[in-house]
Amino acid sequence: MDQQSSRVPRQRRRGSRYRARAHAVEIVYEAELRDIDPVAIVQDRETLSSLPIPETAPVRPYTREIVTGVATQLDAVDDAISTHLSAEWTLERIPAMDRAILRVCAWELLYNDEVDAAVSLTEAVELATQYSTVVAPDYVNAVLDAMAKRSDEVLDARALNTVTELPGEFEADDVELVESAAESEPVVDSGHFEAEVQPSAE
């Protein structure tokens, strides 16, 4: 078997959780661009996938769980992310794709005890590498790593239904990464993104 024929398509090498996260990122990103509820997008796709002749693939259960969680806990998730950004570079100033990635994986760190933090962080960096700017992986890693290291405080804050300001700020190099990302918003072909992360109908 030659090298070309032995290759496995990139999407098939990914685990089901990675594909679910990627699809959740795509939905959260699309919802922000269209200024609509991301849960409504999930519901629309579930309706389309249940037609006699499906018009889209089914939404994975974990994708639905993530999107619903992000929508429900958006303020707390955004507060937690913002804690680890510099004062000059707010969540609103970083690229929309990076916001979506951070929101999805921050929700996992804050609200899904069944997911290993290291796995969520690693896959967030992979998503940033695949879909965002060249500087995004480093600062996405910095934000989520700082959040993971404060896990006990985050969990205590979650129990109070709020996210308190956590100690610690970015180092200067991390601030520069955020500034660079804010100046280089990725151009995302949403059709390509959806084709890349859409789960199969199998």
Foldseek 3Di string as FASTA:
>chain_A
DDPVVPDDPPLVVDDPVLLLLLVLLLLQLVCVVVVHQSLVVLVVQCVQCPPPPRPAAHRDPVNNVLSVLCSVLVVQLLVLLQLAADPVQHLVLFASSLNSLSSSLSSCLQPPPVDDLVVSLVSSLVSCVVFWDPLSSVLSSVSSVVSNVCSVQSNVQVVVVHRDRDDDYDDPVSNVSRVVRSVCHDDGDSVVSCVSSGDDND
